[in-house]
């Protein structure tokens, strides 16, 4: 690692400000990526449209076929 020589306190303060901005930027990027990861791991995103499609199919059925389809779905899910 190369050492930097400073001749004035203004040079030091300028570098410290730059380092602080870089640190803050890295923190906000990390926080944004963490929020995106949390969102992608939500149940609705993991399951997708599959439950909605299955319920749409079951709603098209009537009477005994509907109850049999619901029983089958619940047994598969649980």
Protein backbone atom coordinates (compact mmCIF):
# COMPACT_ATOMS: atom_id res chain seq x y z
CA UNK A 1 0.00 0.00 0.00
CA UNK A 2 1.45 3.34 -1.01
CA UNK A 3 1.49 6.04 1.61
CA UNK A 4 0.24 9.47 0.77
CA UNK A 5 1.97 12.55 2.08
CA UNK A 6 -0.13 15.50 3.13
CA UNK A 7 1.19 19.02 3.33
CA UNK A 8 -1.92 20.69 4.77
CA UNK A 9 -4.91 19.80 6.86
CA UNK A 10 -7.15 20.83 3.97
CA UNK A 11 -5.79 17.95 1.89
CA UNK A 12 -6.54 15.54 4.74
CA UNK A 13 -10.05 16.90 5.19
CA UNK A 14 -10.74 16.65 1.47
CA UNK A 15 -9.71 12.97 1.41
CA UNK A 16 -11.76 12.28 4.55
CA UNK A 17 -14.83 13.80 2.91
CA UNK A 18 -14.30 11.64 -0.17
CA UNK A 19 -13.92 8.51 1.97
CA UNK A 20 -17.09 9.37 3.91
CA UNK A 21 -19.08 9.80 0.68
CA UNK A 22 -17.72 6.50 -0.67
CA UNK A 23 -18.63 4.75 2.59
CA UNK A 24 -22.16 6.19 2.55
CA UNK A 25 -22.62 5.20 -1.08
CA UNK A 26 -21.49 1.62 -0.35
CA UNK A 27 -23.89 1.48 2.64
CA UNK A 28 -26.88 2.63 0.56
CA UNK A 29 -26.04 0.18 -2.22
CA UNK A 30 -25.85 -2.62 0.33
CA UNK A 31 -29.14 -1.58 1.90
CA UNK A 32 -30.85 -1.44 -1.51
CA UNK A 33 -29.57 -4.91 -2.43
CA UNK A 34 -30.68 -6.26 0.95
CA UNK A 35 -34.19 -4.85 0.44
CA UNK A 36 -34.34 -6.37 -3.06
CA UNK A 37 -33.25 -9.73 -1.66
CA UNK A 38 -35.88 -9.59 1.09
CA UNK A 39 -38.54 -8.76 -1.48
CA UNK A 40 -37.49 -11.61 -3.77
CA UNK A 41 -37.78 -14.08 -0.86
CA UNK A 42 -41.39 -13.16 -0.02
CA UNK A 43 -43.89 -16.02 -0.35
CA UNK A 44 -45.82 -14.32 -3.14
CA UNK A 45 -42.66 -14.07 -5.22
CA UNK A 46 -41.55 -17.63 -4.48
CA UNK A 47 -44.88 -19.20 -5.43
CA UNK A 48 -45.63 -17.00 -8.39
CA UNK A 49 -48.98 -17.43 -10.17
CA UNK A 50 -49.39 -21.15 -9.51
CA UNK A 51 -51.97 -20.88 -6.67
CA UNK A 52 -53.96 -18.30 -8.62
CA UNK A 53 -54.03 -20.54 -11.70
CA UNK A 54 -55.03 -23.59 -9.66
CA UNK A 55 -57.89 -21.72 -7.99
CA UNK A 56 -59.02 -20.40 -11.38
CA UNK A 57 -59.18 -23.98 -12.64
CA UNK A 58 -61.08 -25.14 -9.54
CA UNK A 59 -63.58 -22.29 -9.88
CA UNK A 60 -64.43 -23.47 -13.39
CA UNK A 61 -65.56 -26.82 -11.96
CA UNK A 62 -68.89 -27.36 -10.24
CA UNK A 63 -70.37 -29.58 -7.53
CA UNK A 64 -68.57 -32.81 -6.67
CA UNK A 65 -65.76 -32.14 -9.12
CA UNK A 66 -64.97 -28.88 -7.35
CA UNK A 67 -64.84 -30.47 -3.91
CA UNK A 68 -62.67 -33.33 -5.22
CA UNK A 69 -60.28 -30.87 -6.86
CA UNK A 70 -60.05 -28.77 -3.68
CA UNK A 71 -59.40 -31.88 -1.58
CA UNK A 72 -56.66 -32.95 -3.97
CA UNK A 73 -55.03 -29.50 -3.92
CA UNK A 74 -55.08 -29.24 -0.13
CA UNK A 75 -53.57 -32.71 0.24
CA UNK A 76 -50.76 -31.75 -2.15
CA UNK A 77 -50.11 -28.44 -0.39
CA UNK A 78 -50.26 -29.71 3.19
